[in-house]
Amino acid sequence: GGEGDWTITDQRYYQDLEPYSATAMSQDITTTSTGRSLLSIDIITERGGLLQFSMLASVGAPFDIANVLLDDNAVVTYSQVERDWIQSQVNIQPGKRRVTFELIKNPGGIDSDVFETIPPPPGWQGQIWLDNIIFTIN
């Protein structure tokens, strides 16, 4: 969802879970200023549980950031270039919940003329990879 698509890739994946992961790229977000790429998962659970996932983020402000949203509230934020996969977890309360993985291009809404003069951080690719998603019921 949003202005950019998530795709499946075989270029990067978490440890032995080859050969695929989901990915989103800032350059694929079709707006000229601020835009988002969204991947949402609806979870319906009577007892709640724990959602675990692995994220490799090659993002950096002011170019882009990545968030994990639980019912539209940010619970995890990635704002710098990571060289290794980060394992994270989110507690899920009972009921119907929506978890959204979000890549935001130009989150500060910087004018494109100014934006183009800013050097990117070392190793920046403007891309995130998501893998190893596991939901465990309480």
N, C-alpha and C. Protein backbone atom coordinates (compact mmCIF):
# COMPACT_ATOMS: atom_id res chain seq x y z
N GLY A 1 0.81 -1.19 0.00
CA GLY A 1 0.00 0.00 0.00
C GLY A 1 0.85 1.25 0.00
N GLY A 2 0.22 2.38 0.05
CA GLY A 2 0.92 3.66 -0.01
C GLY A 2 1.28 4.00 -1.44
N GLU A 3 2.33 4.77 -1.60
CA GLU A 3 2.77 5.20 -2.93
C GLU A 3 3.87 4.33 -3.53
N GLY A 4 4.25 3.28 -2.82
CA GLY A 4 5.29 2.36 -3.31
C GLY A 4 4.93 0.94 -2.98
N ASP A 5 5.46 0.01 -3.73
CA ASP A 5 5.15 -1.41 -3.55
C ASP A 5 6.26 -2.14 -2.80
N TRP A 6 5.87 -3.16 -2.07
CA TRP A 6 6.79 -4.13 -1.53
C TRP A 6 6.94 -5.24 -2.56
N THR A 7 8.12 -5.82 -2.63
CA THR A 7 8.35 -6.93 -3.55
C THR A 7 9.06 -8.06 -2.81
N ILE A 8 9.08 -9.22 -3.44
CA ILE A 8 9.82 -10.38 -2.92
C ILE A 8 11.15 -10.43 -3.66
N THR A 9 12.23 -10.63 -2.91
CA THR A 9 13.55 -10.66 -3.51
C THR A 9 14.33 -11.88 -3.01
N ASP A 10 15.30 -12.30 -3.82
CA ASP A 10 16.20 -13.36 -3.39
C ASP A 10 17.61 -12.82 -3.17
N GLN A 11 17.75 -11.48 -3.14
CA GLN A 11 19.08 -10.88 -2.98
C GLN A 11 19.56 -10.87 -1.53
N ARG A 12 18.64 -10.74 -0.58
CA ARG A 12 19.00 -10.74 0.84
C ARG A 12 17.94 -11.50 1.61
N TYR A 13 18.36 -12.24 2.62
CA TYR A 13 17.43 -12.96 3.47
C TYR A 13 18.11 -13.19 4.81
N TYR A 14 17.28 -13.45 5.82
CA TYR A 14 17.78 -13.63 7.18
C TYR A 14 18.35 -15.03 7.36
N GLN A 15 19.63 -15.11 7.69
CA GLN A 15 20.34 -16.34 8.00
C GLN A 15 19.99 -17.49 7.08
N ASP A 16 19.47 -18.58 7.64
CA ASP A 16 19.22 -19.79 6.85
C ASP A 16 17.83 -19.84 6.24
N LEU A 17 17.11 -18.74 6.27
CA LEU A 17 15.74 -18.74 5.76
C LEU A 17 15.68 -18.43 4.27
N GLU A 18 16.72 -18.81 3.57
CA GLU A 18 16.77 -18.53 2.14
C GLU A 18 15.58 -19.16 1.43
N PRO A 19 15.23 -18.75 0.27
CA PRO A 19 15.98 -17.76 -0.50
C PRO A 19 15.27 -16.41 -0.64
N TYR A 20 14.22 -16.11 0.15
CA TYR A 20 13.46 -14.90 -0.13
C TYR A 20 13.24 -14.02 1.09
N SER A 21 13.04 -12.72 0.85
CA SER A 21 12.58 -11.77 1.85
C SER A 21 11.72 -10.75 1.13
N ALA A 22 10.98 -9.95 1.92
CA ALA A 22 10.19 -8.85 1.36
C ALA A 22 11.03 -7.58 1.43
N THR A 23 10.89 -6.70 0.45
CA THR A 23 11.69 -5.48 0.44
C THR A 23 10.89 -4.30 -0.10
N ALA A 24 11.27 -3.11 0.34
CA ALA A 24 10.72 -1.86 -0.18
C ALA A 24 11.87 -0.89 -0.37
N MET A 25 11.77 -0.04 -1.42
CA MET A 25 12.83 0.91 -1.74
C MET A 25 12.26 2.32 -1.86
N SER A 26 12.99 3.31 -1.34
CA SER A 26 12.57 4.70 -1.45
C SER A 26 12.40 5.13 -2.90
N GLN A 27 13.30 4.68 -3.77
CA GLN A 27 13.24 5.11 -5.17
C GLN A 27 11.99 4.60 -5.87
N ASP A 28 11.33 3.57 -5.31
CA ASP A 28 10.10 3.05 -5.90
C ASP A 28 8.84 3.78 -5.42
N ILE A 29 8.99 4.67 -4.44
CA ILE A 29 7.85 5.46 -3.97
C ILE A 29 7.62 6.55 -5.00
N THR A 30 6.44 6.58 -5.54
CA THR A 30 6.16 7.34 -6.77
C THR A 30 5.93 8.83 -6.58
N THR A 31 6.03 9.34 -5.38
CA THR A 31 5.85 10.78 -5.18
C THR A 31 7.19 11.49 -5.33
N THR A 32 7.14 12.78 -5.64
CA THR A 32 8.38 13.55 -5.77
C THR A 32 8.84 14.10 -4.43
N SER A 33 7.96 14.11 -3.43
CA SER A 33 8.37 14.59 -2.10
C SER A 33 8.19 13.46 -1.10
N THR A 34 7.38 13.65 -0.09
CA THR A 34 7.16 12.64 0.94
C THR A 34 6.20 11.57 0.45
N GLY A 35 6.51 10.31 0.76
CA GLY A 35 5.63 9.20 0.40
C GLY A 35 5.93 7.98 1.25
N ARG A 36 5.04 6.99 1.18
CA ARG A 36 5.17 5.80 2.02
C ARG A 36 4.96 4.53 1.21
N SER A 37 5.59 3.47 1.67
CA SER A 37 5.34 2.12 1.18
C SER A 37 4.93 1.29 2.39
N LEU A 38 3.78 0.63 2.30
CA LEU A 38 3.19 -0.06 3.44
C LEU A 38 2.97 -1.54 3.17
N LEU A 39 3.25 -2.36 4.17
CA LEU A 39 2.92 -3.78 4.14
C LEU A 39 2.22 -4.09 5.46
N SER A 40 0.94 -4.45 5.39
CA SER A 40 0.16 -4.66 6.61
C SER A 40 -0.24 -6.12 6.77
N ILE A 41 -0.31 -6.53 8.04
CA ILE A 41 -0.74 -7.87 8.42
C ILE A 41 -1.80 -7.71 9.48
N ASP A 42 -2.98 -8.30 9.25
CA ASP A 42 -4.03 -8.32 10.27
C ASP A 42 -3.89 -9.58 11.11
N ILE A 43 -3.91 -9.39 12.44
CA ILE A 43 -3.82 -10.51 13.37
C ILE A 43 -5.07 -10.50 14.24
N ILE A 44 -5.77 -11.62 14.27
CA ILE A 44 -6.94 -11.77 15.13
C ILE A 44 -6.61 -12.86 16.14
N THR A 45 -6.60 -12.48 17.43
CA THR A 45 -6.20 -13.43 18.47
C THR A 45 -7.02 -13.22 19.73
N GLU A 46 -7.47 -14.29 20.33
CA GLU A 46 -8.24 -14.20 21.57
C GLU A 46 -7.35 -14.02 22.78
N ARG A 47 -6.11 -14.52 22.72
CA ARG A 47 -5.24 -14.49 23.89
C ARG A 47 -4.06 -13.53 23.76
N GLY A 48 -3.89 -12.91 22.60
CA GLY A 48 -2.71 -12.07 22.41
C GLY A 48 -1.51 -12.92 22.10
N GLY A 49 -0.37 -12.27 21.94
CA GLY A 49 0.83 -13.03 21.64
C GLY A 49 2.01 -12.13 21.35
N LEU A 50 3.00 -12.69 20.70
CA LEU A 50 4.24 -12.00 20.40
C LEU A 50 4.55 -12.14 18.91
N LEU A 51 4.73 -11.01 18.23
CA LEU A 51 5.12 -11.02 16.82
C LEU A 51 6.61 -10.73 16.76
N GLN A 52 7.36 -11.67 16.20
CA GLN A 52 8.80 -11.51 16.03
C GLN A 52 9.10 -11.36 14.55
N PHE A 53 10.13 -10.57 14.23
CA PHE A 53 10.52 -10.37 12.84
C PHE A 53 11.97 -9.92 12.79
N SER A 54 12.55 -10.03 11.61
CA SER A 54 13.93 -9.57 11.39
C SER A 54 13.89 -8.51 10.30
N MET A 55 14.61 -7.39 10.54
CA MET A 55 14.62 -6.26 9.61
C MET A 55 16.08 -5.88 9.33
N LEU A 56 16.37 -5.66 8.06
CA LEU A 56 17.64 -5.09 7.65
C LEU A 56 17.31 -3.75 7.03
N ALA A 57 17.73 -2.67 7.69
CA ALA A 57 17.37 -1.32 7.25
C ALA A 57 18.61 -0.58 6.75
N SER A 58 18.54 -0.15 5.52
CA SER A 58 19.60 0.69 4.96
C SER A 58 18.97 2.05 4.66
N VAL A 59 18.55 2.71 5.74
CA VAL A 59 17.85 4.00 5.65
C VAL A 59 18.64 5.05 6.44
N GLY A 60 18.30 6.30 6.25
CA GLY A 60 18.94 7.36 7.00
C GLY A 60 18.22 8.68 6.82
N ALA A 61 17.93 9.32 7.94
CA ALA A 61 17.31 10.64 7.88
C ALA A 61 18.34 11.60 7.27
N PRO A 62 17.91 12.55 6.47
CA PRO A 62 16.55 12.93 6.16
C PRO A 62 15.96 12.22 4.95
N PHE A 63 16.67 11.22 4.40
CA PHE A 63 16.22 10.56 3.18
C PHE A 63 15.02 9.67 3.39
N ASP A 64 15.10 8.82 4.41
CA ASP A 64 14.01 7.89 4.68
C ASP A 64 14.16 7.31 6.07
N ILE A 65 13.06 6.80 6.59
CA ILE A 65 13.05 6.05 7.85
C ILE A 65 12.07 4.89 7.67
N ALA A 66 12.17 3.92 8.56
CA ALA A 66 11.24 2.80 8.55
C ALA A 66 10.60 2.69 9.93
N ASN A 67 9.32 2.37 9.93
CA ASN A 67 8.58 2.18 11.18
C ASN A 67 7.86 0.85 11.15
N VAL A 68 7.61 0.33 12.34
CA VAL A 68 6.66 -0.76 12.53
C VAL A 68 5.53 -0.16 13.34
N LEU A 69 4.32 -0.24 12.79
CA LEU A 69 3.14 0.34 13.42
C LEU A 69 2.25 -0.77 13.96
N LEU A 70 1.71 -0.55 15.13
CA LEU A 70 0.69 -1.44 15.69
C LEU A 70 -0.57 -0.62 15.83
N ASP A 71 -1.59 -0.96 15.08
CA ASP A 71 -2.84 -0.19 15.05
C ASP A 71 -2.55 1.30 14.81
N ASP A 72 -1.70 1.59 13.83
CA ASP A 72 -1.33 2.94 13.38
C ASP A 72 -0.47 3.73 14.36
N ASN A 73 0.08 3.08 15.39
CA ASN A 73 1.00 3.73 16.33
C ASN A 73 2.39 3.13 16.16
N ALA A 74 3.39 3.99 15.98
CA ALA A 74 4.76 3.50 15.80
C ALA A 74 5.25 2.84 17.09
N VAL A 75 5.75 1.59 16.96
CA VAL A 75 6.29 0.87 18.10
C VAL A 75 7.77 0.55 17.92
N VAL A 76 8.27 0.58 16.69
CA VAL A 76 9.69 0.39 16.39
C VAL A 76 10.03 1.34 15.25
N THR A 77 11.18 2.04 15.35
CA THR A 77 11.63 2.94 14.30
C THR A 77 13.07 2.62 13.93
N TYR A 78 13.35 2.64 12.64
CA TYR A 78 14.71 2.45 12.11
C TYR A 78 15.06 3.74 11.37
N SER A 79 16.17 4.39 11.78
CA SER A 79 16.51 5.68 11.17
C SER A 79 17.97 5.78 10.75
N GLN A 80 18.68 4.66 10.76
CA GLN A 80 20.08 4.71 10.34
C GLN A 80 20.44 3.44 9.58
N VAL A 81 21.55 3.51 8.88
CA VAL A 81 22.03 2.38 8.10
C VAL A 81 22.48 1.27 9.06
N GLU A 82 21.91 0.10 8.88
CA GLU A 82 22.30 -1.07 9.67
C GLU A 82 23.04 -2.03 8.74
N ARG A 83 24.09 -2.62 9.23
CA ARG A 83 24.86 -3.57 8.44
C ARG A 83 24.41 -5.01 8.68
N ASP A 84 23.72 -5.21 9.80
CA ASP A 84 23.27 -6.55 10.16
C ASP A 84 21.76 -6.54 10.38
N TRP A 85 21.15 -7.70 10.22
CA TRP A 85 19.73 -7.86 10.51
C TRP A 85 19.47 -7.60 11.99
N ILE A 86 18.38 -6.93 12.29
CA ILE A 86 17.97 -6.67 13.68
C ILE A 86 16.72 -7.49 13.95
N GLN A 87 16.76 -8.30 15.00
CA GLN A 87 15.59 -9.07 15.41
C GLN A 87 14.80 -8.22 16.40
N SER A 88 13.51 -8.08 16.14
CA SER A 88 12.64 -7.27 17.00
C SER A 88 11.39 -8.07 17.33
N GLN A 89 10.66 -7.57 18.32
CA GLN A 89 9.40 -8.20 18.68
C GLN A 89 8.42 -7.14 19.15
N VAL A 90 7.13 -7.44 18.95
CA VAL A 90 6.05 -6.55 19.34
C VAL A 90 5.01 -7.38 20.07
N ASN A 91 4.62 -6.93 21.27
CA ASN A 91 3.55 -7.59 22.00
C ASN A 91 2.22 -7.26 21.35
N ILE A 92 1.41 -8.28 21.12
CA ILE A 92 0.10 -8.12 20.48
C ILE A 92 -0.98 -8.42 21.52
N GLN A 93 -1.82 -7.46 21.77
CA GLN A 93 -2.93 -7.64 22.72
C GLN A 93 -4.06 -8.42 22.07
N PRO A 94 -4.93 -9.04 22.87
CA PRO A 94 -6.06 -9.77 22.30
C PRO A 94 -6.95 -8.87 21.44
N GLY A 95 -7.60 -9.48 20.46
CA GLY A 95 -8.51 -8.77 19.57
C GLY A 95 -7.98 -8.73 18.16
N LYS A 96 -8.55 -7.85 17.35
CA LYS A 96 -8.09 -7.67 15.98
C LYS A 96 -7.07 -6.54 15.97
N ARG A 97 -5.87 -6.84 15.49
CA ARG A 97 -4.77 -5.87 15.46
C ARG A 97 -4.20 -5.82 14.05
N ARG A 98 -3.69 -4.66 13.69
CA ARG A 98 -3.03 -4.50 12.40
C ARG A 98 -1.58 -4.08 12.65
N VAL A 99 -0.65 -4.88 12.10
CA VAL A 99 0.77 -4.56 12.15
C VAL A 99 1.16 -4.10 10.75
N THR A 100 1.79 -2.91 10.66
CA THR A 100 2.18 -2.35 9.37
C THR A 100 3.67 -2.06 9.37
N PHE A 101 4.35 -2.54 8.35
CA PHE A 101 5.75 -2.23 8.12
C PHE A 101 5.75 -1.08 7.11
N GLU A 102 6.42 0.02 7.46
CA GLU A 102 6.31 1.26 6.70
C GLU A 102 7.69 1.82 6.37
N LEU A 103 7.91 2.14 5.11
CA LEU A 103 9.09 2.88 4.67
C LEU A 103 8.60 4.27 4.27
N ILE A 104 9.19 5.32 4.87
CA ILE A 104 8.79 6.69 4.55
C ILE A 104 9.94 7.37 3.82
N LYS A 105 9.65 7.85 2.63
CA LYS A 105 10.60 8.63 1.84
C LYS A 105 10.47 10.10 2.23
N ASN A 106 11.62 10.75 2.48
CA ASN A 106 11.66 12.18 2.81
C ASN A 106 10.65 12.53 3.91
N PRO A 107 10.81 11.94 5.11
CA PRO A 107 9.83 12.15 6.18
C PRO A 107 9.69 13.60 6.62
N GLY A 108 10.71 14.41 6.41
CA GLY A 108 10.64 15.81 6.81
C GLY A 108 10.05 16.72 5.75
N GLY A 109 9.75 16.17 4.57
CA GLY A 109 9.17 16.98 3.50
C GLY A 109 10.10 18.05 2.97
N ILE A 110 11.39 17.76 2.93
CA ILE A 110 12.38 18.72 2.44
C ILE A 110 12.19 18.97 0.95
N ASP A 111 12.29 20.22 0.53
CA ASP A 111 12.17 20.59 -0.88
C ASP A 111 13.17 19.79 -1.71
N SER A 112 12.74 19.30 -2.87
CA SER A 112 13.59 18.44 -3.69
C SER A 112 14.89 19.11 -4.12
N ASP A 113 14.89 20.44 -4.33
CA ASP A 113 16.13 21.13 -4.70
C ASP A 113 17.15 21.07 -3.58
N VAL A 114 16.71 21.21 -2.35
CA VAL A 114 17.59 21.11 -1.18
C VAL A 114 17.98 19.66 -0.95
N PHE A 115 17.01 18.78 -1.07
CA PHE A 115 17.20 17.36 -0.82
C PHE A 115 18.35 16.80 -1.65
N GLU A 116 18.43 17.21 -2.91
CA GLU A 116 19.45 16.69 -3.82
C GLU A 116 20.86 17.14 -3.48
N THR A 117 21.01 18.17 -2.63
CA THR A 117 22.33 18.66 -2.26
C THR A 117 22.88 17.99 -1.00
N ILE A 118 22.08 17.19 -0.33
CA ILE A 118 22.48 16.55 0.93
C ILE A 118 23.16 15.22 0.62
N PRO A 119 24.39 15.02 1.12
CA PRO A 119 25.05 13.73 0.87
C PRO A 119 24.41 12.62 1.72
N PRO A 120 24.22 11.44 1.14
CA PRO A 120 23.64 10.33 1.93
C PRO A 120 24.65 9.79 2.93
N PRO A 121 24.16 9.14 4.00
CA PRO A 121 25.07 8.52 4.97
C PRO A 121 25.84 7.37 4.32
N PRO A 122 27.02 7.04 4.83
CA PRO A 122 27.80 5.92 4.29
C PRO A 122 26.99 4.62 4.31
N GLY A 123 27.00 3.90 3.20
CA GLY A 123 26.31 2.63 3.10
C GLY A 123 24.82 2.72 2.82
N TRP A 124 24.28 3.92 2.71
CA TRP A 124 22.84 4.12 2.51
C TRP A 124 22.39 3.57 1.17
N GLN A 125 21.29 2.80 1.19
CA GLN A 125 20.70 2.27 -0.04
C GLN A 125 19.24 2.69 -0.20
N GLY A 126 18.64 3.26 0.85
CA GLY A 126 17.23 3.64 0.77
C GLY A 126 16.33 2.44 0.62
N GLN A 127 16.61 1.39 1.38
CA GLN A 127 15.88 0.14 1.21
C GLN A 127 15.79 -0.59 2.54
N ILE A 128 14.71 -1.34 2.72
CA ILE A 128 14.57 -2.20 3.89
C ILE A 128 14.20 -3.60 3.42
N TRP A 129 14.62 -4.59 4.20
CA TRP A 129 14.30 -5.99 3.95
C TRP A 129 13.64 -6.55 5.21
N LEU A 130 12.63 -7.36 5.03
CA LEU A 130 11.86 -7.94 6.13
C LEU A 130 11.80 -9.45 5.94
N ASP A 131 12.06 -10.20 7.03
CA ASP A 131 12.08 -11.66 6.94
C ASP A 131 11.78 -12.23 8.33
N ASN A 132 11.59 -13.54 8.39
CA ASN A 132 11.51 -14.28 9.64
C ASN A 132 10.36 -13.79 10.53
N ILE A 133 9.17 -13.62 9.95
CA ILE A 133 8.01 -13.15 10.71
C ILE A 133 7.34 -14.35 11.38
N ILE A 134 7.24 -14.29 12.71
CA ILE A 134 6.68 -15.40 13.49
C ILE A 134 5.72 -14.82 14.53
N PHE A 135 4.50 -15.33 14.57
CA PHE A 135 3.54 -14.94 15.63
C PHE A 135 3.34 -16.13 16.55
N THR A 136 3.56 -15.91 17.86
CA THR A 136 3.39 -16.93 18.86
C THR A 136 2.26 -16.52 19.80
N ILE A 137 1.26 -17.36 19.95
CA ILE A 137 0.12 -17.07 20.81
C ILE A 137 0.52 -17.23 22.28
N ASN A 138 0.01 -16.33 23.14
CA ASN A 138 0.27 -16.44 24.59
C ASN A 138 -0.34 -17.70 25.15
